[in-house]
PDB file of N, CA and C in Angstrom:
ATOM      1  N   UNK A   1     133.004 -11.864  68.531  1.00  0.00           N
ATOM      2  CA  UNK A   1     133.745 -11.080  67.841  1.00  0.00           C
ATOM      3  C   UNK A   1     135.145 -11.244  68.443  1.00  0.00           C
ATOM      4  N   UNK A   2     136.175 -11.139  67.634  1.00  0.00           N
ATOM      5  CA  UNK A   2     137.388 -10.994  68.270  1.00  0.00           C
ATOM      6  C   UNK A   2     137.800  -9.493  68.524  1.00  0.00           C
ATOM      7  N   UNK A   3     138.153  -9.231  69.633  1.00  0.00           N
ATOM      8  CA  UNK A   3     138.371  -7.664  69.910  1.00  0.00           C
ATOM      9  C   UNK A   3     139.825  -7.441  70.354  1.00  0.00           C
ATOM     10  N   UNK A   4     140.569  -6.193  69.881  1.00  0.00           N
ATOM     11  CA  UNK A   4     141.738  -6.092  70.141  1.00  0.00           C
ATOM     12  C   UNK A   4     141.797  -4.498  70.041  1.00  0.00           C
ATOM     13  N   UNK A   5     142.856  -3.783  70.445  1.00  0.00           N
ATOM     14  CA  UNK A   5     143.078  -2.674  70.404  1.00  0.00           C
ATOM     15  C   UNK A   5     143.218  -2.233  68.799  1.00  0.00           C
ATOM     16  N   UNK A   6     142.599  -1.231  68.307  1.00  0.00           N
ATOM     17  CA  UNK A   6     142.458  -0.902  67.022  1.00  0.00           C
ATOM     18  C   UNK A   6     141.982   0.698  67.126  1.00  0.00           C
ATOM     19  N   UNK A   7     142.498   1.540  66.091  1.00  0.00           N
ATOM     20  CA  UNK A   7     141.969   2.704  65.877  1.00  0.00           C
ATOM     21  C   UNK A   7     140.767   3.250  65.641  1.00  0.00           C
ATOM     22  N   UNK A   8     140.052   2.209  65.055  1.00  0.00           N
ATOM     23  CA  UNK A   8     138.770   2.495  64.594  1.00  0.00           C
ATOM     24  C   UNK A   8     137.921   1.002  65.141  1.00  0.00           C
ATOM     25  N   UNK A   9     136.810   1.374  65.500  1.00  0.00           N
ATOM     26  CA  UNK A   9     135.934   0.232  65.742  1.00  0.00           C
ATOM     27  C   UNK A   9     134.471   0.263  65.424  1.00  0.00           C
ATOM     28  N   UNK A  10     133.952  -0.657  64.853  1.00  0.00           N
ATOM     29  CA  UNK A  10     132.582  -0.587  64.217  1.00  0.00           C
ATOM     30  C   UNK A  10     131.600  -0.261  65.257  1.00  0.00           C
ATOM     31  N   UNK A  11     130.387   0.072  65.014  1.00  0.00           N
ATOM     32  CA  UNK A  11     129.371   0.413  66.169  1.00  0.00           C
ATOM     33  C   UNK A  11     129.003  -0.994  66.685  1.00  0.00           C
ATOM     34  N   UNK A  12     128.979  -2.052  66.193  1.00  0.00           N
ATOM     35  CA  UNK A  12     129.011  -3.387  66.769  1.00  0.00           C
ATOM     36  C   UNK A  12     129.763  -3.877  67.494  1.00  0.00           C
ATOM     37  N   UNK A  13     131.257  -3.517  67.315  1.00  0.00           N
ATOM     38  CA  UNK A  13     132.416  -3.657  68.249  1.00  0.00           C
ATOM     39  C   UNK A  13     132.281  -2.880  69.403  1.00  0.00           C
ATOM     40  N   UNK A  14     131.780  -1.862  69.341  1.00  0.00           N
ATOM     41  CA  UNK A  14     131.577  -0.996  70.560  1.00  0.00           C
ATOM     42  C   UNK A  14     130.609  -1.506  71.432  1.00  0.00           C
ATOM     43  N   UNK A  15     129.598  -2.148  71.019  1.00  0.00           N
ATOM     44  CA  UNK A  15     128.770  -2.733  71.873  1.00  0.00           C
ATOM     45  C   UNK A  15     129.415  -3.952  72.761  1.00  0.00           C
ATOM     46  N   UNK A  16     130.228  -4.619  71.917  1.00  0.00           N
ATOM     47  CA  UNK A  16     130.812  -5.972  72.610  1.00  0.00           C
ATOM     48  C   UNK A  16     131.879  -5.272  73.546  1.00  0.00           C
ATOM     49  N   UNK A  17     132.426  -4.506  73.194  1.00  0.00           N
ATOM     50  CA  UNK A  17     133.586  -3.686  74.056  1.00  0.00           C
ATOM     51  C   UNK A  17     133.299  -3.151  75.418  1.00  0.00           C
ATOM     52  N   UNK A  18     131.843  -2.571  75.405  1.00  0.00           N
ATOM     53  CA  UNK A  18     131.120  -2.293  76.617  1.00  0.00           C
ATOM     54  C   UNK A  18     130.639  -3.339  77.480  1.00  0.00           C
ATOM     55  N   UNK A  19     130.192  -4.220  76.614  1.00  0.00           N
ATOM     56  CA  UNK A  19     129.906  -5.366  77.539  1.00  0.00           C
ATOM     57  C   UNK A  19     131.046  -6.179  78.094  1.00  0.00           C
ATOM     58  N   UNK A  20     132.182  -6.168  77.191  1.00  0.00           N
ATOM     59  CA  UNK A  20     133.292  -6.850  77.754  1.00  0.00           C
ATOM     60  C   UNK A  20     133.863  -6.050  79.063  1.00  0.00           C
ATOM     61  N   UNK A  21     133.723  -4.701  78.988  1.00  0.00           N
ATOM     62  CA  UNK A  21     134.435  -3.755  80.059  1.00  0.00           C
ATOM     63  C   UNK A  21     133.552  -3.965  81.292  1.00  0.00           C
ATOM     64  N   UNK A  22     132.191  -4.079  80.999  1.00  0.00           N
ATOM     65  CA  UNK A  22     131.310  -4.236  82.165  1.00  0.00           C
ATOM     66  C   UNK A  22     131.598  -5.666  82.907  1.00  0.00           C
ATOM     67  N   UNK A  23     131.852  -6.644  82.050  1.00  0.00           N
ATOM     68  CA  UNK A  23     132.228  -8.040  82.973  1.00  0.00           C
ATOM     69  C   UNK A  23     133.299  -7.874  83.730  1.00  0.00           C
ATOM     70  N   UNK A  24     134.483  -7.052  83.052  1.00  0.00           N
ATOM     71  CA  UNK A  24     135.855  -6.797  83.822  1.00  0.00           C
ATOM     72  C   UNK A  24     135.560  -6.154  84.997  1.00  0.00           C
ATOM     73  N   UNK A  25     134.698  -5.102  84.964  1.00  0.00           N
ATOM     74  CA  UNK A  25     134.430  -4.290  86.221  1.00  0.00           C
ATOM     75  C   UNK A  25     133.696  -5.082  87.285  1.00  0.00           C
ATOM     76  N   UNK A  26     132.802  -5.917  87.015  1.00  0.00           N
ATOM     77  CA  UNK A  26     131.977  -6.769  87.814  1.00  0.00           C
ATOM     78  C   UNK A  26     133.144  -7.959  88.333  1.00  0.00           C
ATOM     79  N   UNK A  27     133.981  -8.391  87.714  1.00  0.00           N
ATOM     80  CA  UNK A  27     134.968  -8.989  88.077  1.00  0.00           C
ATOM     81  C   UNK A  27     136.361  -8.759  88.970  1.00  0.00           C
ATOM     82  N   UNK A  28     135.862  -7.059  89.136  1.00  0.00           N
ATOM     83  CA  UNK A  28     136.785  -6.279  89.845  1.00  0.00           C
ATOM     84  C   UNK A  28     138.224  -6.183  89.172  1.00  0.00           C
ATOM     85  N   UNK A  29     138.168  -6.378  87.667  1.00  0.00           N
ATOM     86  CA  UNK A  29     139.609  -6.154  86.917  1.00  0.00           C
ATOM     87  C   UNK A  29     139.854  -4.715  86.669  1.00  0.00           C
ATOM     88  N   UNK A  30     138.763  -3.985  86.519  1.00  0.00           N
ATOM     89  CA  UNK A  30     138.666  -2.483  86.251  1.00  0.00           C
ATOM     90  C   UNK A  30     137.655  -1.653  86.965  1.00  0.00           C
ATOM     91  N   UNK A  31     137.665  -0.584  87.159  1.00  0.00           N
ATOM     92  CA  UNK A  31     136.698   0.382  87.738  1.00  0.00           C
ATOM     93  C   UNK A  31     135.659   0.271  86.803  1.00  0.00           C
ATOM     94  N   UNK A  32     134.324   0.645  87.441  1.00  0.00           N
ATOM     95  CA  UNK A  32     133.046   0.527  86.451  1.00  0.00           C
ATOM     96  C   UNK A  32     133.057   1.771  85.759  1.00  0.00           C
ATOM     97  N   UNK A  33     133.845   2.912  86.092  1.00  0.00           N
ATOM     98  CA  UNK A  33     133.971   3.909  85.128  1.00  0.00           C
ATOM     99  C   UNK A  33     134.730   3.959  84.117  1.00  0.00           C
ATOM    100  N   UNK A  34     135.365   2.772  83.960  1.00  0.00           N
ATOM    101  CA  UNK A  34     136.274   2.244  82.755  1.00  0.00           C
ATOM    102  C   UNK A  34     135.421   1.753  81.450  1.00  0.00           C
ATOM    103  N   UNK A  35     134.058   1.659  81.582  1.00  0.00           N
ATOM    104  CA  UNK A  35     133.380   1.303  80.713  1.00  0.00           C
ATOM    105  C   UNK A  35     132.833   2.394  79.564  1.00  0.00           C
ATOM    106  N   UNK A  36     133.922   2.392  78.649  1.00  0.00           N
ATOM    107  CA  UNK A  36     134.013   3.478  77.689  1.00  0.00           C
ATOM    108  C   UNK A  36     133.601   2.915  76.128  1.00  0.00           C
ATOM    109  N   UNK A  37     133.707   1.863  75.986  1.00  0.00           N
ATOM    110  CA  UNK A  37     133.533   1.156  74.464  1.00  0.00           C
ATOM    111  C   UNK A  37     134.379   1.559  73.694  1.00  0.00           C
ATOM    112  N   UNK A  38     135.724   1.738  74.320  1.00  0.00           N
ATOM    113  CA  UNK A  38     136.942   1.766  73.641  1.00  0.00           C
ATOM    114  C   UNK A  38     137.897   0.680  74.062  1.00  0.00           C
ATOM    115  N   UNK A  39     138.539   0.108  73.141  1.00  0.00           N
ATOM    116  CA  UNK A  39     139.348  -1.115  73.568  1.00  0.00           C
ATOM    117  C   UNK A  39     140.762  -0.428  73.648  1.00  0.00           C
ATOM    118  N   UNK A  40     141.034   0.320  74.838  1.00  0.00           N
ATOM    119  CA  UNK A  40     142.165   1.002  75.017  1.00  0.00           C
ATOM    120  C   UNK A  40     143.371   0.198  75.720  1.00  0.00           C
ATOM    121  N   UNK A  41     144.627   0.889  75.990  1.00  0.00           N
ATOM    122  CA  UNK A  41     145.489  -0.250  76.530  1.00  0.00           C
ATOM    123  C   UNK A  41     145.053  -0.772  77.902  1.00  0.00           C
ATOM    124  N   UNK A  42     144.221   0.225  78.764  1.00  0.00           N
ATOM    125  CA  UNK A  42     143.977  -0.238  80.109  1.00  0.00           C
ATOM    126  C   UNK A  42     143.001  -1.552  79.995  1.00  0.00           C
ATOM    127  N   UNK A  43     142.374  -1.647  78.818  1.00  0.00           N
ATOM    128  CA  UNK A  43     141.503  -2.708  78.560  1.00  0.00           C
ATOM    129  C   UNK A  43     142.186  -3.957  78.265  1.00  0.00           C
ATOM    130  N   UNK A  44     143.086  -3.578  77.467  1.00  0.00           N
ATOM    131  CA  UNK A  44     144.073  -4.696  76.907  1.00  0.00           C
ATOM    132  C   UNK A  44     144.836  -5.385  78.158  1.00  0.00           C
ATOM    133  N   UNK A  45     145.396  -4.260  79.090  1.00  0.00           N
ATOM    134  CA  UNK A  45     145.881  -4.644  79.984  1.00  0.00           C
ATOM    135  C   UNK A  45     145.367  -5.700  81.072  1.00  0.00           C
ATOM    136  N   UNK A  46     144.047  -5.322  81.255  1.00  0.00           N
ATOM    137  CA  UNK A  46     143.081  -5.851  82.132  1.00  0.00           C
ATOM    138  C   UNK A  46     142.852  -7.391  81.537  1.00  0.00           C
ATOM    139  N   UNK A  47     142.695  -7.629  80.076  1.00  0.00           N
ATOM    140  CA  UNK A  47     142.375  -8.881  79.447  1.00  0.00           C
ATOM    141  C   UNK A  47     143.675  -9.761  79.648  1.00  0.00           C
ATOM    142  N   UNK A  48     144.871  -9.116  79.522  1.00  0.00           N
ATOM    143  CA  UNK A  48     146.114  -9.915  79.532  1.00  0.00           C
ATOM    144  C   UNK A  48     146.214 -10.515  80.939  1.00  0.00           C
ATOM    145  N   UNK A  49     145.954  -9.756  81.757  1.00  0.00           N
ATOM    146  CA  UNK A  49     146.068 -10.194  83.220  1.00  0.00           C
ATOM    147  C   UNK A  49     145.025 -11.099  83.380  1.00  0.00           C
ATOM    148  N   UNK A  50     143.863 -11.256  83.039  1.00  0.00           N
ATOM    149  CA  UNK A  50     142.723 -12.382  83.129  1.00  0.00           C
ATOM    150  C   UNK A  50     143.292 -13.553  82.328  1.00  0.00           C
ATOM    151  N   UNK A  51     143.754 -13.153  81.261  1.00  0.00           N
ATOM    152  CA  UNK A  51     144.276 -14.606  80.311  1.00  0.00           C
ATOM    153  C   UNK A  51     145.346 -15.090  81.168  1.00  0.00           C
ATOM    154  N   UNK A  52     146.195 -14.316  81.507  1.00  0.00           N
ATOM    155  CA  UNK A  52     147.569 -15.212  82.364  1.00  0.00           C
ATOM    156  C   UNK A  52     146.997 -15.762  83.691  1.00  0.00           C
ATOM    157  N   UNK A  53     146.092 -15.365  84.171  1.00  0.00           N
ATOM    158  CA  UNK A  53     145.490 -15.984  85.453  1.00  0.00           C
ATOM    159  C   UNK A  53     144.502 -17.212  85.150  1.00  0.00           C
ATOM    160  N   UNK A  54     144.270 -17.196  83.885  1.00  0.00           N
ATOM    161  CA  UNK A  54     143.183 -18.239  83.577  1.00  0.00           C
ATOM    162  C   UNK A  54     144.019 -19.267  82.576  1.00  0.00           C
ATOM    163  N   UNK A  55     145.186 -19.414  82.618  1.00  0.00           N
ATOM    164  CA  UNK A  55     145.897 -20.348  81.717  1.00  0.00           C
ATOM    165  C   UNK A  55     145.605 -20.080  80.073  1.00  0.00           C
ATOM    166  N   UNK A  56     145.416 -18.984  79.920  1.00  0.00           N
ATOM    167  CA  UNK A  56     145.370 -18.551  78.274  1.00  0.00           C
ATOM    168  C   UNK A  56     146.489 -17.871  77.840  1.00  0.00           C
ATOM    169  N   UNK A  57     146.633 -17.789  76.407  1.00  0.00           N
ATOM    170  CA  UNK A  57     147.601 -17.096  75.835  1.00  0.00           C
ATOM    171  C   UNK A  57     147.352 -15.629  76.253  1.00  0.00           C
ATOM    172  N   UNK A  58     148.292 -14.892  76.992  1.00  0.00           N
ATOM    173  CA  UNK A  58     148.305 -13.423  77.465  1.00  0.00           C
ATOM    174  C   UNK A  58     148.678 -12.484  76.355  1.00  0.00           C
ATOM    175  N   UNK A  59     148.000 -12.455  75.460  1.00  0.00           N
ATOM    176  CA  UNK A  59     148.075 -11.691  74.281  1.00  0.00           C
ATOM    177  C   UNK A  59     147.517 -10.258  74.242  1.00  0.00           C
ATOM    178  N   UNK A  60     146.238 -10.258  74.835  1.00  0.00           N
ATOM    179  CA  UNK A  60     145.438  -8.942  74.925  1.00  0.00           C
ATOM    180  C   UNK A  60     144.295  -9.035  73.963  1.00  0.00           C
ATOM    181  N   UNK A  61     144.354 -10.129  73.039  1.00  0.00           N
ATOM    182  CA  UNK A  61     142.923 -10.290  72.374  1.00  0.00           C
ATOM    183  C   UNK A  61     142.188 -10.966  72.665  1.00  0.00           C
ATOM    184  N   UNK A  62     140.788 -10.680  72.628  1.00  0.00           N
ATOM    185  CA  UNK A  62     139.789 -11.386  73.340  1.00  0.00           C
ATOM    186  C   UNK A  62     139.258 -12.241  71.956  1.00  0.00           C
ATOM    187  N   UNK A  63     139.619 -13.352  72.116  1.00  0.00           N
ATOM    188  CA  UNK A  63     139.420 -14.463  71.049  1.00  0.00           C
ATOM    189  C   UNK A  63     138.473 -15.608  71.666  1.00  0.00           C
ATOM    190  N   UNK A  64     137.942 -16.474  71.043  1.00  0.00           N
ATOM    191  CA  UNK A  64     136.952 -17.580  71.383  1.00  0.00           C
ATOM    192  C   UNK A  64     137.270 -18.053  72.583  1.00  0.00           C
ATOM    193  N   UNK A  65     138.679 -18.622  73.026  1.00  0.00           N
ATOM    194  CA  UNK A  65     138.841 -19.126  74.311  1.00  0.00           C
ATOM    195  C   UNK A  65     138.647 -18.089  75.535  1.00  0.00           C
ATOM    196  N   UNK A  66     139.108 -16.881  75.090  1.00  0.00           N
ATOM    197  CA  UNK A  66     138.874 -15.811  76.256  1.00  0.00           C
ATOM    198  C   UNK A  66     137.608 -15.406  76.566  1.00  0.00           C
ATOM    199  N   UNK A  67     136.543 -15.162  75.477  1.00  0.00           N
ATOM    200  CA  UNK A  67     135.229 -15.191  75.807  1.00  0.00           C
ATOM    201  C   UNK A  67     134.493 -16.436  76.494  1.00  0.00           C
ATOM    202  N   UNK A  68     135.211 -17.299  76.315  1.00  0.00           N
ATOM    203  CA  UNK A  68     134.322 -18.631  77.030  1.00  0.00           C
ATOM    204  C   UNK A  68     134.826 -18.695  78.336  1.00  0.00           C
ATOM    205  N   UNK A  69     136.182 -18.267  78.876  1.00  0.00           N
ATOM    206  CA  UNK A  69     136.484 -18.268  80.342  1.00  0.00           C
ATOM    207  C   UNK A  69     135.772 -16.808  80.551  1.00  0.00           C
ATOM    208  N   UNK A  70     135.622 -15.920  80.065  1.00  0.00           N
ATOM    209  CA  UNK A  70     135.074 -14.717  80.571  1.00  0.00           C
ATOM    210  C   UNK A  70     133.607 -15.098  80.865  1.00  0.00           C
ATOM    211  N   UNK A  71     132.856 -15.675  79.966  1.00  0.00           N
ATOM    212  CA  UNK A  71     131.633 -16.262  80.459  1.00  0.00           C
ATOM    213  C   UNK A  71     131.494 -17.075  81.547  1.00  0.00           C
ATOM    214  N   UNK A  72     132.197 -17.859  81.539  1.00  0.00           N
ATOM    215  CA  UNK A  72     132.395 -19.067  82.675  1.00  0.00           C
ATOM    216  C   UNK A  72     132.544 -18.232  83.863  1.00  0.00           C
ATOM    217  N   UNK A  73     133.467 -17.357  84.007  1.00  0.00           N
ATOM    218  CA  UNK A  73     133.781 -16.645  85.344  1.00  0.00           C
ATOM    219  C   UNK A  73     132.692 -15.324  85.652  1.00  0.00           C
ATOM    220  N   UNK A  74     132.357 -14.784  84.368  1.00  0.00           N
ATOM    221  CA  UNK A  74     131.324 -13.596  84.712  1.00  0.00           C
ATOM    222  C   UNK A  74     130.036 -13.782  84.782  1.00  0.00           C
ATOM    223  N   UNK A  75     129.475 -14.818  84.087  1.00  0.00           N
ATOM    224  CA  UNK A  75     128.174 -15.144  84.044  1.00  0.00           C
ATOM    225  C   UNK A  75     127.590 -15.517  85.471  1.00  0.00           C
ATOM    226  N   UNK A  76     128.513 -15.944  86.308  1.00  0.00           N
ATOM    227  CA  UNK A  76     128.099 -16.450  87.830  1.00  0.00           C
ATOM    228  C   UNK A  76     127.827 -15.206  88.453  1.00  0.00           C
ATOM    229  N   UNK A  77     128.120 -14.066  87.888  1.00  0.00           N
ATOM    230  CA  UNK A  77     127.634 -12.921  88.722  1.00  0.00           C
ATOM    231  C   UNK A  77     126.425 -12.524  88.491  1.00  0.00           C
ATOM    232  N   UNK A  78     125.845 -12.957  87.359  1.00  0.00           N
ATOM    233  CA  UNK A  78     124.581 -12.472  86.933  1.00  0.00           C
ATOM    234  C   UNK A  78     123.418 -13.675  87.019  1.00  0.00           C
ATOM    235  N   UNK A  79     122.590 -13.265  87.996  1.00  0.00           N
ATOM    236  CA  UNK A  79     121.590 -14.444  88.057  1.00  0.00           C
ATOM    237  C   UNK A  79     120.596 -14.453  86.854  1.00  0.00           C
ATOM    238  N   UNK A  80     120.243 -15.591  86.766  1.00  0.00           N
ATOM    239  CA  UNK A  80     119.368 -15.952  85.523  1.00  0.00           C
ATOM    240  C   UNK A  80     117.863 -15.993  85.908  1.00  0.00           C
TER     241      UNK A  80
END
């Protein structure tokens, strides 16, 4: 799904936001305690920084290209 700051998130969004924040924490972009399930301004800033450093449009929206790059970078941390 496409994730961004919003005043309301569906229960499904919360699951993906928590997964996103977990990957960001394991990439040392946010502290592990920041896994809240809310796409807040700190999460947005971490995504913008990630996007900028990975040649993506730094808009803070987790879209398909951002998910792909997160998967490429983050999945290396989880053994299969």
